[in-house]
Protein backbone atom coordinates (compact mmCIF):
# COMPACT_ATOMS: atom_id res chain seq x y z
CA MET A 1 -68.00 136.69 143.30
CA PHE A 2 -71.45 134.95 144.16
CA LEU A 3 -73.10 132.31 145.14
CA GLN A 4 -74.22 130.11 142.46
CA GLU A 5 -75.90 126.67 143.73
CA ILE A 6 -76.14 124.77 147.25
CA ILE A 7 -76.27 121.23 146.35
CA ILE A 8 -76.97 119.59 150.35
CA ASP A 9 -77.26 116.09 150.84
CA GLY A 10 -77.23 113.70 154.39
CA PHE A 11 -76.73 117.20 156.36
CA LYS A 12 -78.71 117.72 159.36
CA SER A 13 -82.65 118.41 157.93
CA TYR A 14 -81.54 117.67 154.32
CA ALA A 15 -81.35 113.84 154.28
CA GLN A 16 -81.89 113.61 150.56
CA LYS A 17 -80.09 115.32 148.22
CA THR A 18 -81.24 118.97 148.01
CA VAL A 19 -80.28 122.04 145.16
CA VAL A 20 -80.82 124.80 146.09
CA SER A 21 -80.24 127.42 143.02
CA GLY A 22 -81.47 131.24 141.30
CA PHE A 23 -79.77 133.00 143.65
CA ASP A 24 -78.87 137.15 142.25
CA PRO A 25 -75.84 138.30 142.72
CA GLN A 26 -76.83 141.55 144.91
CA PHE A 27 -79.40 140.46 147.84
CA ASN A 28 -80.23 136.84 148.76
CA ALA A 29 -83.16 135.68 151.54
CA ILE A 30 -83.81 132.28 152.95
CA THR A 31 -87.46 132.26 154.08
CA GLY A 32 -89.94 129.51 155.30
CA LEU A 33 -91.87 128.24 157.91
CA ASN A 34 -90.28 127.18 161.25
CA GLY A 35 -88.17 123.74 161.36
CA THR A 36 -88.00 123.87 157.19
CA GLY A 37 -84.37 123.74 157.37
CA LYS A 38 -83.45 127.50 156.80
CA SER A 39 -80.96 127.77 159.09
CA ASN A 40 -78.99 124.46 158.31
CA ILE A 41 -78.70 125.83 154.64
CA LEU A 42 -76.64 128.38 156.51
CA ASP A 43 -74.93 125.36 159.21
CA SER A 44 -73.88 123.65 155.61
CA ILE A 45 -72.00 127.02 154.40
CA CYS A 46 -70.18 127.80 157.24
CA PHE A 47 -69.51 123.98 157.28
CA VAL A 48 -67.82 123.88 153.86
CA LEU A 49 -66.06 127.36 154.78
CA GLY A 50 -64.38 126.06 157.75
CA ILE A 51 -66.64 128.14 160.36
CA GLN A 52 -67.38 127.36 163.53
CA ASN A 53 -69.19 130.30 165.19
CA LEU A 54 -71.10 132.43 163.16
CA ALA A 55 -69.43 135.86 164.55
CA GLN A 56 -66.86 134.27 161.91
CA VAL A 57 -69.12 134.16 159.00
CA SER A 58 -69.51 138.11 158.40
CA SER A 59 -65.52 138.84 158.64
CA ILE A 60 -65.13 135.87 156.19
CA LEU A 61 -67.73 136.85 153.73
CA LYS A 62 -66.03 140.06 153.52
CA LEU A 63 -62.62 138.71 153.28
CA LEU A 64 -64.35 136.65 150.09
CA ALA A 65 -65.53 139.65 148.82
CA THR A 66 -62.70 142.14 148.83
CA PHE A 67 -59.67 139.65 147.83
CA ALA A 68 -61.78 137.53 145.19
CA HIS A 69 -60.71 140.22 142.39
CA THR A 70 -57.13 140.54 143.09
CA ILE A 71 -56.79 136.29 142.01
CA PRO A 72 -57.20 137.28 138.28
CA HIS A 73 -57.20 133.74 136.54
CA LEU A 74 -60.21 132.41 138.72
CA ILE A 75 -63.59 132.45 136.65
CA SER A 76 -65.28 130.44 139.65
CA CYS A 77 -65.05 128.02 142.49
CA ARG A 78 -66.79 125.66 144.02
CA SER A 79 -66.48 123.67 146.70
CA GLU A 80 -68.09 120.25 148.11
CA LEU A 81 -67.76 117.60 150.17
CA ALA A 82 -68.41 114.66 151.23
CA ILE A 83 -68.48 112.22 153.88
CA PHE A 84 -69.12 108.51 154.30
CA LYS A 85 -69.33 105.55 156.75
CA SER A 86 -66.68 103.32 156.20
């Protein structure tokens, strides 16, 4: 299992819809100048996964990598969250 695409819209510094794709199944790095929103990409992933502190990231990603193969019918997984002001 690997990350295929991230769609960020209205989250922190990403006021406009932004699609980040082209991830490699083996290794990825997000680089850029200071203040360009690199950490907000990780924050958006953590938000969707329900991770409240960065100490949980490693353990949750290990669980996903370890047990993804135990779900034989799983071809892909998608998580999207939309929050609107009422």
